[in-house]
């Protein structure tokens, strides 16, 4: 979804509040609520360094490949030394749109259990330095290098199960608190480098074998990622349109593990959201 459209949708929802708010009645026990989330995910950047070109997806699988070196040298018009590669040290994710579903069942007037799922597609982009040699003047001591993009794309699905407590503030507003267990499914979709006009995937799809062009080498659909777990907390405000419709403005914090090899520790992620809820279902 285009970010400009997301901004317009949020502004439209906020404008709708002023003309539609109505004194709220407390939800009844046994009532179902359901709706949709739209937000921005600010993922912790510690796991972005999975894509820096070391470890499972090693950049030298491409740069050190005898057959690929020939076309890289042609592209650069220079030879290069695989030992002279400077990888990025601090990759970061770009903030991205998240979308999701929320459902709750009222156990009491202001107390509910809920299930929600949110999806986001994350991207991280940086560059590595490929030092090369001057073919025409091999004794040239001036340092020469190419700046080459490296990037990764992953999908994350957050599934939360927990409890919600509401506190009425006035005739049309409440604030609410949610907490529960989180399961985060991470899936690496792309991991690539670019050298001039050349583009290579450094995702390890050949297991421990080297790529040889024009052969029947088998590529494996290796799943990189997995399901992590942790906790989540949401704090927000509820605005009542009428007995059937309300708007939630909230921020969710996730403290979860991410199943990327070498980066499995607990990290904090922040997800501000706008939630449109249909009530009394």
C-alpha atoms as a PDB file:
ATOM      1  CA  UNK A   1       0.000   0.000   0.000  1.00  0.00           C
ATOM      2  CA  UNK A   2       1.300   3.472  -0.938  1.00  0.00           C
ATOM      3  CA  UNK A   3       2.252   5.497   2.150  1.00  0.00           C
ATOM      4  CA  UNK A   4       0.442   8.591   0.867  1.00  0.00           C
ATOM      5  CA  UNK A   5      -2.799   6.633   0.712  1.00  0.00           C
ATOM      6  CA  UNK A   6      -2.212   5.386   4.250  1.00  0.00           C
ATOM      7  CA  UNK A   7      -1.811   8.967   5.497  1.00  0.00           C
ATOM      8  CA  UNK A   8      -5.002  10.047   3.727  1.00  0.00           C
ATOM      9  CA  UNK A   9      -6.932   7.131   5.197  1.00  0.00           C
ATOM     10  CA  UNK A  10      -5.777   7.970   8.730  1.00  0.00           C
ATOM     11  CA  UNK A  11      -6.651  11.657   8.267  1.00  0.00           C
ATOM     12  CA  UNK A  12     -10.054  10.679   6.907  1.00  0.00           C
ATOM     13  CA  UNK A  13     -10.747   8.486   9.917  1.00  0.00           C
ATOM     14  CA  UNK A  14      -9.726  11.250  12.308  1.00  0.00           C
ATOM     15  CA  UNK A  15     -11.940  13.770  10.502  1.00  0.00           C
ATOM     16  CA  UNK A  16     -14.825  11.318  10.741  1.00  0.00           C
ATOM     17  CA  UNK A  17     -14.503  11.335  14.532  1.00  0.00           C
ATOM     18  CA  UNK A  18     -15.609  14.945  14.912  1.00  0.00           C
ATOM     19  CA  UNK A  19     -18.901  14.358  13.100  1.00  0.00           C
ATOM     20  CA  UNK A  20     -19.732  10.876  14.372  1.00  0.00           C
ATOM     21  CA  UNK A  21     -18.812  10.585  18.077  1.00  0.00           C
ATOM     22  CA  UNK A  22     -21.695   9.558  20.301  1.00  0.00           C
ATOM     23  CA  UNK A  23     -22.044   8.884  24.026  1.00  0.00           C
ATOM     24  CA  UNK A  24     -20.908   5.321  24.626  1.00  0.00           C
ATOM     25  CA  UNK A  25     -22.613   2.506  26.425  1.00  0.00           C
ATOM     26  CA  UNK A  26     -20.503  -0.089  28.158  1.00  0.00           C
ATOM     27  CA  UNK A  27     -20.067  -3.314  26.149  1.00  0.00           C
ATOM     28  CA  UNK A  28     -22.011  -6.259  27.461  1.00  0.00           C
ATOM     29  CA  UNK A  29     -20.700  -9.615  28.578  1.00  0.00           C
ATOM     30  CA  UNK A  30     -20.718 -12.111  25.708  1.00  0.00           C
ATOM     31  CA  UNK A  31     -20.329  -9.412  23.046  1.00  0.00           C
ATOM     32  CA  UNK A  32     -17.963  -9.903  20.101  1.00  0.00           C
ATOM     33  CA  UNK A  33     -15.919  -7.059  18.623  1.00  0.00           C
ATOM     34  CA  UNK A  34     -13.924  -7.318  15.391  1.00  0.00           C
ATOM     35  CA  UNK A  35     -12.068  -4.951  13.120  1.00  0.00           C
ATOM     36  CA  UNK A  36      -8.979  -3.997  11.165  1.00  0.00           C
ATOM     37  CA  UNK A  37      -5.602  -2.434  12.015  1.00  0.00           C
ATOM     38  CA  UNK A  38      -3.455  -0.052   9.986  1.00  0.00           C
ATOM     39  CA  UNK A  39      -0.139   1.115  11.369  1.00  0.00           C
ATOM     40  CA  UNK A  40       3.580   1.653  10.971  1.00  0.00           C
ATOM     41  CA  UNK A  41       6.088  -0.883  12.217  1.00  0.00           C
ATOM     42  CA  UNK A  42       9.407   0.368  13.575  1.00  0.00           C
ATOM     43  CA  UNK A  43      11.343  -2.900  13.761  1.00  0.00           C
ATOM     44  CA  UNK A  44      14.421  -3.192  15.932  1.00  0.00           C
ATOM     45  CA  UNK A  45      17.434  -2.814  13.646  1.00  0.00           C
ATOM     46  CA  UNK A  46      19.670  -5.303  15.475  1.00  0.00           C
ATOM     47  CA  UNK A  47      18.378  -8.163  13.306  1.00  0.00           C
ATOM     48  CA  UNK A  48      18.923  -6.150  10.098  1.00  0.00           C
ATOM     49  CA  UNK A  49      22.615  -7.060  10.312  1.00  0.00           C
ATOM     50  CA  UNK A  50      21.603 -10.593   9.301  1.00  0.00           C
ATOM     51  CA  UNK A  51      21.721  -9.084   5.794  1.00  0.00           C
ATOM     52  CA  UNK A  52      25.218  -7.566   5.992  1.00  0.00           C
ATOM     53  CA  UNK A  53      26.749 -10.429   3.963  1.00  0.00           C
ATOM     54  CA  UNK A  54      28.219 -12.746   6.585  1.00  0.00           C
ATOM     55  CA  UNK A  55      27.060 -15.988   8.145  1.00  0.00           C
ATOM     56  CA  UNK A  56      24.376 -18.048   6.454  1.00  0.00           C
ATOM     57  CA  UNK A  57      24.183 -15.817   3.371  1.00  0.00           C
ATOM     58  CA  UNK A  58      27.844 -15.067   2.835  1.00  0.00           C
ATOM     59  CA  UNK A  59      28.757 -12.510   0.210  1.00  0.00           C
ATOM     60  CA  UNK A  60      31.898 -14.468  -0.698  1.00  0.00           C
ATOM     61  CA  UNK A  61      29.690 -17.193  -2.129  1.00  0.00           C
ATOM     62  CA  UNK A  62      29.316 -14.797  -5.064  1.00  0.00           C
ATOM     63  CA  UNK A  63      32.523 -12.769  -4.977  1.00  0.00           C
ATOM     64  CA  UNK A  64      34.692 -15.859  -4.551  1.00  0.00           C
ATOM     65  CA  UNK A  65      32.942 -17.951  -7.192  1.00  0.00           C
ATOM     66  CA  UNK A  66      35.376 -18.629 -10.043  1.00  0.00           C
ATOM     67  CA  UNK A  67      32.705 -18.497 -12.752  1.00  0.00           C
ATOM     68  CA  UNK A  68      31.027 -15.336 -11.466  1.00  0.00           C
ATOM     69  CA  UNK A  69      34.319 -13.531 -10.926  1.00  0.00           C
ATOM     70  CA  UNK A  70      34.852 -13.366 -14.680  1.00  0.00           C
ATOM     71  CA  UNK A  71      31.674 -11.395 -15.328  1.00  0.00           C
ATOM     72  CA  UNK A  72      32.204  -9.183 -12.275  1.00  0.00           C
ATOM     73  CA  UNK A  73      35.699  -8.296 -13.525  1.00  0.00           C
ATOM     74  CA  UNK A  74      34.223  -7.464 -16.942  1.00  0.00           C
ATOM     75  CA  UNK A  75      31.588  -5.271 -15.286  1.00  0.00           C
ATOM     76  CA  UNK A  76      34.123  -3.419 -13.126  1.00  0.00           C
ATOM     77  CA  UNK A  77      36.818  -3.424 -15.813  1.00  0.00           C
ATOM     78  CA  UNK A  78      39.140  -4.212 -12.898  1.00  0.00           C
ATOM     79  CA  UNK A  79      40.252  -7.253 -10.980  1.00  0.00           C
ATOM     80  CA  UNK A  80      39.522  -7.390  -7.282  1.00  0.00           C
ATOM     81  CA  UNK A  81      40.625  -9.157  -4.114  1.00  0.00           C
ATOM     82  CA  UNK A  82      37.961 -10.972  -2.094  1.00  0.00           C
ATOM     83  CA  UNK A  83      39.944 -10.174   1.064  1.00  0.00           C
ATOM     84  CA  UNK A  84      39.429  -6.456   0.394  1.00  0.00           C
ATOM     85  CA  UNK A  85      35.684  -6.220   0.992  1.00  0.00           C
ATOM     86  CA  UNK A  86      34.228  -3.850   3.584  1.00  0.00           C
ATOM     87  CA  UNK A  87      30.768  -4.920   4.743  1.00  0.00           C
ATOM     88  CA  UNK A  88      28.217  -2.577   6.348  1.00  0.00           C
ATOM     89  CA  UNK A  89      28.317  -2.541  10.155  1.00  0.00           C
ATOM     90  CA  UNK A  90      24.955  -1.061  11.135  1.00  0.00           C
ATOM     91  CA  UNK A  91      22.124  -1.927   8.778  1.00  0.00           C
ATOM     92  CA  UNK A  92      18.642  -0.656   9.629  1.00  0.00           C
ATOM     93  CA  UNK A  93      15.090  -1.487   8.618  1.00  0.00           C
ATOM     94  CA  UNK A  94      12.968   1.142   6.953  1.00  0.00           C
ATOM     95  CA  UNK A  95       9.693   1.924   8.798  1.00  0.00           C
ATOM     96  CA  UNK A  96       6.928   0.088   7.004  1.00  0.00           C
ATOM     97  CA  UNK A  97       3.148  -0.168   6.897  1.00  0.00           C
ATOM     98  CA  UNK A  98       1.480  -2.940   8.884  1.00  0.00           C
ATOM     99  CA  UNK A  99      -2.037  -4.255   8.344  1.00  0.00           C
ATOM    100  CA  UNK A 100      -4.011  -6.694  10.446  1.00  0.00           C
ATOM    101  CA  UNK A 101      -7.171  -8.062  12.036  1.00  0.00           C
ATOM    102  CA  UNK A 102      -8.379  -7.787  15.641  1.00  0.00           C
ATOM    103  CA  UNK A 103     -11.126  -9.763  17.372  1.00  0.00           C
ATOM    104  CA  UNK A 104     -12.242  -9.609  21.020  1.00  0.00           C
ATOM    105  CA  UNK A 105     -14.786 -11.370  23.231  1.00  0.00           C
ATOM    106  CA  UNK A 106     -16.151  -9.483  26.236  1.00  0.00           C
ATOM    107  CA  UNK A 107     -15.932 -11.472  29.463  1.00  0.00           C
ATOM    108  CA  UNK A 108     -17.286  -8.510  31.447  1.00  0.00           C
ATOM    109  CA  UNK A 109     -18.322  -4.898  30.748  1.00  0.00           C
ATOM    110  CA  UNK A 110     -14.729  -3.620  30.465  1.00  0.00           C
ATOM    111  CA  UNK A 111     -12.708  -6.821  30.267  1.00  0.00           C
ATOM    112  CA  UNK A 112     -12.094  -8.986  27.179  1.00  0.00           C
ATOM    113  CA  UNK A 113      -9.869 -11.629  25.663  1.00  0.00           C
ATOM    114  CA  UNK A 114      -8.560 -10.975  22.162  1.00  0.00           C
ATOM    115  CA  UNK A 115      -6.814 -12.508  19.167  1.00  0.00           C
ATOM    116  CA  UNK A 116      -5.088 -10.397  16.544  1.00  0.00           C
ATOM    117  CA  UNK A 117      -2.731 -10.836  13.610  1.00  0.00           C
ATOM    118  CA  UNK A 118      -0.639  -8.197  11.821  1.00  0.00           C
ATOM    119  CA  UNK A 119       1.514  -8.427   8.717  1.00  0.00           C
ATOM    120  CA  UNK A 120       4.465  -6.278   7.621  1.00  0.00           C
ATOM    121  CA  UNK A 121       7.045  -6.448   4.849  1.00  0.00           C
ATOM    122  CA  UNK A 122      10.433  -5.127   5.962  1.00  0.00           C
ATOM    123  CA  UNK A 123      13.330  -3.890   3.841  1.00  0.00           C
ATOM    124  CA  UNK A 124      16.899  -2.987   4.748  1.00  0.00           C
ATOM    125  CA  UNK A 125      19.333  -1.349   2.318  1.00  0.00           C
ATOM    126  CA  UNK A 126      23.015  -0.486   2.707  1.00  0.00           C
ATOM    127  CA  UNK A 127      26.240  -0.811   0.720  1.00  0.00           C
ATOM    128  CA  UNK A 128      29.560  -2.647   0.819  1.00  0.00           C
ATOM    129  CA  UNK A 129      32.902  -1.502  -0.568  1.00  0.00           C
ATOM    130  CA  UNK A 130      34.621  -3.706  -3.134  1.00  0.00           C
ATOM    131  CA  UNK A 131      38.270  -2.692  -3.471  1.00  0.00           C
ATOM    132  CA  UNK A 132      39.689  -3.328  -6.922  1.00  0.00           C
ATOM    133  CA  UNK A 133      43.012  -3.247  -8.726  1.00  0.00           C
ATOM    134  CA  UNK A 134      44.071  -0.960 -11.545  1.00  0.00           C
ATOM    135  CA  UNK A 135      44.717  -3.314 -14.476  1.00  0.00           C
ATOM    136  CA  UNK A 136      46.414  -0.710 -16.664  1.00  0.00           C
ATOM    137  CA  UNK A 137      48.621   0.640 -13.856  1.00  0.00           C
ATOM    138  CA  UNK A 138      49.132  -2.208 -11.361  1.00  0.00           C
ATOM    139  CA  UNK A 139      51.679  -0.183  -9.364  1.00  0.00           C
ATOM    140  CA  UNK A 140      49.144   2.582  -8.753  1.00  0.00           C
ATOM    141  CA  UNK A 141      48.818   2.951  -4.969  1.00  0.00           C
ATOM    142  CA  UNK A 142      45.724   5.169  -5.045  1.00  0.00           C
ATOM    143  CA  UNK A 143      42.898   3.335  -3.282  1.00  0.00           C
ATOM    144  CA  UNK A 144      40.047   2.461  -5.633  1.00  0.00           C
ATOM    145  CA  UNK A 145      36.759   0.852  -4.753  1.00  0.00           C
ATOM    146  CA  UNK A 146      33.212   0.337  -5.963  1.00  0.00           C
ATOM    147  CA  UNK A 147      30.222   1.143  -3.750  1.00  0.00           C
ATOM    148  CA  UNK A 148      27.797  -1.757  -4.174  1.00  0.00           C
ATOM    149  CA  UNK A 149      24.251  -1.962  -2.770  1.00  0.00           C
ATOM    150  CA  UNK A 150      23.250  -4.860  -0.520  1.00  0.00           C
ATOM    151  CA  UNK A 151      19.684  -5.358   0.640  1.00  0.00           C
ATOM    152  CA  UNK A 152      17.277  -7.781   2.239  1.00  0.00           C
ATOM    153  CA  UNK A 153      13.506  -8.151   2.258  1.00  0.00           C
ATOM    154  CA  UNK A 154      11.571 -10.164   4.818  1.00  0.00           C
ATOM    155  CA  UNK A 155       7.976 -10.761   5.819  1.00  0.00           C
ATOM    156  CA  UNK A 156       6.790 -10.822   9.421  1.00  0.00           C
ATOM    157  CA  UNK A 157       3.449 -11.974  10.781  1.00  0.00           C
ATOM    158  CA  UNK A 158       2.633 -11.101  14.382  1.00  0.00           C
ATOM    159  CA  UNK A 159       0.000 -13.229  16.140  1.00  0.00           C
ATOM    160  CA  UNK A 160      -1.115 -12.096  19.601  1.00  0.00           C
ATOM    161  CA  UNK A 161      -3.374 -13.726  22.183  1.00  0.00           C
ATOM    162  CA  UNK A 162      -4.154 -11.814  25.355  1.00  0.00           C
ATOM    163  CA  UNK A 163      -6.456  -9.781  27.555  1.00  0.00           C
ATOM    164  CA  UNK A 164      -7.859  -6.268  27.233  1.00  0.00           C
ATOM    165  CA  UNK A 165      -8.950  -3.926  30.036  1.00  0.00           C
ATOM    166  CA  UNK A 166     -10.896  -0.735  29.358  1.00  0.00           C
ATOM    167  CA  UNK A 167     -11.273   2.336  31.567  1.00  0.00           C
ATOM    168  CA  UNK A 168     -14.024   4.811  30.712  1.00  0.00           C
ATOM    169  CA  UNK A 169     -12.906   8.456  30.734  1.00  0.00           C
ATOM    170  CA  UNK A 170     -15.994  10.258  29.494  1.00  0.00           C
ATOM    171  CA  UNK A 171     -19.160   9.888  27.524  1.00  0.00           C
ATOM    172  CA  UNK A 172     -17.346   9.188  24.241  1.00  0.00           C
ATOM    173  CA  UNK A 173     -13.839   8.095  25.225  1.00  0.00           C
ATOM    174  CA  UNK A 174     -12.059   5.316  27.077  1.00  0.00           C
ATOM    175  CA  UNK A 175      -8.469   4.267  27.357  1.00  0.00           C
ATOM    176  CA  UNK A 176      -7.477   0.636  27.188  1.00  0.00           C
ATOM    177  CA  UNK A 177      -4.594  -1.647  28.014  1.00  0.00           C
ATOM    178  CA  UNK A 178      -3.764  -4.960  26.316  1.00  0.00           C
ATOM    179  CA  UNK A 179      -1.132  -7.548  27.063  1.00  0.00           C
ATOM    180  CA  UNK A 180      -0.510 -11.104  26.000  1.00  0.00           C
ATOM    181  CA  UNK A 181       1.659 -13.681  24.291  1.00  0.00           C
ATOM    182  CA  UNK A 182       3.141 -12.991  20.885  1.00  0.00           C
ATOM    183  CA  UNK A 183       4.288 -15.364  18.147  1.00  0.00           C
ATOM    184  CA  UNK A 184       6.263 -13.793  15.293  1.00  0.00           C
ATOM    185  CA  UNK A 185       6.779 -15.657  12.045  1.00  0.00           C
ATOM    186  CA  UNK A 186       9.727 -14.321  10.019  1.00  0.00           C
ATOM    187  CA  UNK A 187      10.417 -15.285   6.411  1.00  0.00           C
ATOM    188  CA  UNK A 188      13.389 -14.079   4.336  1.00  0.00           C
ATOM    189  CA  UNK A 189      12.136 -13.269   0.842  1.00  0.00           C
ATOM    190  CA  UNK A 190      15.188 -11.689  -0.825  1.00  0.00           C
ATOM    191  CA  UNK A 191      18.857 -11.105  -0.052  1.00  0.00           C
ATOM    192  CA  UNK A 192      20.780  -9.561  -2.929  1.00  0.00           C
ATOM    193  CA  UNK A 193      23.804  -7.534  -3.914  1.00  0.00           C
ATOM    194  CA  UNK A 194      24.330  -5.317  -6.951  1.00  0.00           C
ATOM    195  CA  UNK A 195      27.644  -4.673  -8.688  1.00  0.00           C
ATOM    196  CA  UNK A 196      27.221  -2.165 -11.487  1.00  0.00           C
ATOM    197  CA  UNK A 197      24.424  -3.526 -13.661  1.00  0.00           C
ATOM    198  CA  UNK A 198      24.781  -7.044 -12.232  1.00  0.00           C
ATOM    199  CA  UNK A 199      22.453  -8.390  -9.543  1.00  0.00           C
ATOM    200  CA  UNK A 200      23.057 -11.550  -7.499  1.00  0.00           C
ATOM    201  CA  UNK A 201      21.094 -13.346  -4.844  1.00  0.00           C
ATOM    202  CA  UNK A 202      23.339 -14.317  -1.927  1.00  0.00           C
ATOM    203  CA  UNK A 203      20.567 -16.342  -0.275  1.00  0.00           C
ATOM    204  CA  UNK A 204      21.963 -19.809   0.329  1.00  0.00           C
ATOM    205  CA  UNK A 205      19.879 -21.886  -2.084  1.00  0.00           C
ATOM    206  CA  UNK A 206      22.694 -24.298  -3.035  1.00  0.00           C
ATOM    207  CA  UNK A 207      23.413 -25.604   0.479  1.00  0.00           C
ATOM    208  CA  UNK A 208      27.195 -26.134   0.645  1.00  0.00           C
ATOM    209  CA  UNK A 209      27.852 -26.443  -3.096  1.00  0.00           C
ATOM    210  CA  UNK A 210      29.157 -23.728  -5.420  1.00  0.00           C
ATOM    211  CA  UNK A 211      27.131 -22.355  -8.297  1.00  0.00           C
ATOM    212  CA  UNK A 212      28.312 -23.469 -11.751  1.00  0.00           C
ATOM    213  CA  UNK A 213      26.587 -21.818 -14.740  1.00  0.00           C
ATOM    214  CA  UNK A 214      24.958 -23.860 -17.501  1.00  0.00           C
ATOM    215  CA  UNK A 215      24.677 -26.970 -15.349  1.00  0.00           C
ATOM    216  CA  UNK A 216      21.827 -28.830 -13.704  1.00  0.00           C
ATOM    217  CA  UNK A 217      22.838 -27.826 -10.183  1.00  0.00           C
ATOM    218  CA  UNK A 218      19.759 -28.093  -8.018  1.00  0.00           C
ATOM    219  CA  UNK A 219      18.480 -25.059  -6.169  1.00  0.00           C
ATOM    220  CA  UNK A 220      16.810 -25.779  -2.839  1.00  0.00           C
ATOM    221  CA  UNK A 221      13.849 -23.849  -1.520  1.00  0.00           C
ATOM    222  CA  UNK A 222      15.495 -23.276   1.848  1.00  0.00           C
ATOM    223  CA  UNK A 223      13.269 -21.490   4.329  1.00  0.00           C
ATOM    224  CA  UNK A 224      15.210 -18.864   6.226  1.00  0.00           C
ATOM    225  CA  UNK A 225      13.445 -17.578   9.308  1.00  0.00           C
ATOM    226  CA  UNK A 226      10.986 -19.244  11.638  1.00  0.00           C
ATOM    227  CA  UNK A 227       8.631 -18.621  14.529  1.00  0.00           C
ATOM    228  CA  UNK A 228       9.812 -16.587  17.495  1.00  0.00           C
ATOM    229  CA  UNK A 229       7.886 -15.761  20.637  1.00  0.00           C
ATOM    230  CA  UNK A 230       7.593 -13.126  23.332  1.00  0.00           C
ATOM    231  CA  UNK A 231       5.192 -10.675  24.896  1.00  0.00           C
ATOM    232  CA  UNK A 232       3.265  -7.622  23.730  1.00  0.00           C
ATOM    233  CA  UNK A 233       1.708  -4.576  25.396  1.00  0.00           C
ATOM    234  CA  UNK A 234      -0.704  -2.065  23.858  1.00  0.00           C
ATOM    235  CA  UNK A 235      -1.837   1.252  25.313  1.00  0.00           C
ATOM    236  CA  UNK A 236      -4.455   3.310  23.531  1.00  0.00           C
ATOM    237  CA  UNK A 237      -7.562   5.469  23.424  1.00  0.00           C
ATOM    238  CA  UNK A 238     -11.033   4.419  22.253  1.00  0.00           C
ATOM    239  CA  UNK A 239     -13.440   6.836  20.564  1.00  0.00           C
ATOM    240  CA  UNK A 240     -17.070   5.751  20.315  1.00  0.00           C
ATOM    241  CA  UNK A 241     -18.890   6.562  17.068  1.00  0.00           C
ATOM    242  CA  UNK A 242     -22.100   4.738  17.982  1.00  0.00           C
ATOM    243  CA  UNK A 243     -23.153   1.420  19.462  1.00  0.00           C
ATOM    244  CA  UNK A 244     -21.787  -0.459  16.457  1.00  0.00           C
ATOM    245  CA  UNK A 245     -18.574   1.368  15.597  1.00  0.00           C
ATOM    246  CA  UNK A 246     -15.510   2.692  17.440  1.00  0.00           C
ATOM    247  CA  UNK A 247     -11.985   3.857  16.613  1.00  0.00           C
ATOM    248  CA  UNK A 248      -8.859   2.889  18.550  1.00  0.00           C
ATOM    249  CA  UNK A 249      -5.638   4.933  18.453  1.00  0.00           C
ATOM    250  CA  UNK A 250      -2.872   2.926  20.087  1.00  0.00           C
ATOM    251  CA  UNK A 251       0.759   1.904  20.210  1.00  0.00           C
ATOM    252  CA  UNK A 252       1.890  -1.696  20.581  1.00  0.00           C
ATOM    253  CA  UNK A 253       5.274  -2.726  21.883  1.00  0.00           C
ATOM    254  CA  UNK A 254       6.579  -6.205  21.050  1.00  0.00           C
ATOM    255  CA  UNK A 255       9.393  -7.811  23.027  1.00  0.00           C
ATOM    256  CA  UNK A 256      10.046 -10.944  21.027  1.00  0.00           C
ATOM    257  CA  UNK A 257      12.628 -13.242  19.542  1.00  0.00           C
ATOM    258  CA  UNK A 258      13.277 -13.276  15.786  1.00  0.00           C
ATOM    259  CA  UNK A 259      14.304 -16.548  14.156  1.00  0.00           C
ATOM    260  CA  UNK A 260      17.145 -15.276  12.006  1.00  0.00           C
ATOM    261  CA  UNK A 261      20.345 -17.278  12.421  1.00  0.00           C
ATOM    262  CA  UNK A 262      22.715 -15.480  14.773  1.00  0.00           C
ATOM    263  CA  UNK A 263      20.126 -12.875  15.786  1.00  0.00           C
ATOM    264  CA  UNK A 264      17.616 -14.876  17.843  1.00  0.00           C
ATOM    265  CA  UNK A 265      17.633 -12.716  20.997  1.00  0.00           C
ATOM    266  CA  UNK A 266      14.745 -10.702  22.415  1.00  0.00           C
ATOM    267  CA  UNK A 267      14.266  -7.284  20.796  1.00  0.00           C
ATOM    268  CA  UNK A 268      11.799  -4.431  21.205  1.00  0.00           C
ATOM    269  CA  UNK A 269       9.645  -3.404  18.217  1.00  0.00           C
ATOM    270  CA  UNK A 270       7.162  -0.504  18.159  1.00  0.00           C
ATOM    271  CA  UNK A 271       3.922  -0.470  16.148  1.00  0.00           C
ATOM    272  CA  UNK A 272       1.608   2.600  16.318  1.00  0.00           C
ATOM    273  CA  UNK A 273      -1.809   1.670  14.915  1.00  0.00           C
ATOM    274  CA  UNK A 274      -5.269   2.916  14.019  1.00  0.00           C
ATOM    275  CA  UNK A 275      -7.949   0.290  14.614  1.00  0.00           C
ATOM    276  CA  UNK A 276     -11.520   0.421  13.295  1.00  0.00           C
ATOM    277  CA  UNK A 277     -13.782  -1.842  15.379  1.00  0.00           C
ATOM    278  CA  UNK A 278     -17.276  -3.168  14.678  1.00  0.00           C
ATOM    279  CA  UNK A 279     -19.110  -3.911  17.936  1.00  0.00           C
ATOM    280  CA  UNK A 280     -22.029  -6.018  19.162  1.00  0.00           C
ATOM    281  CA  UNK A 281     -21.438  -8.726  16.582  1.00  0.00           C
END
